């Protein structure tokens, strides 16, 4: 099933990306960027 990303998906997406990169990214920066991208209609998750 595919659906649009939501704000509550942020932690899960963060964990997936950290796993792929094999390092922990700064949570505060990721959280802020994710929120900004969700609010911007040019981005689709």
Foldseek 3Di string as FASTA:
>chain_A
DDDWDDLVCQVVVQVVVCVVVVHHDDSVVSSVVVVVQVVDPVDTD
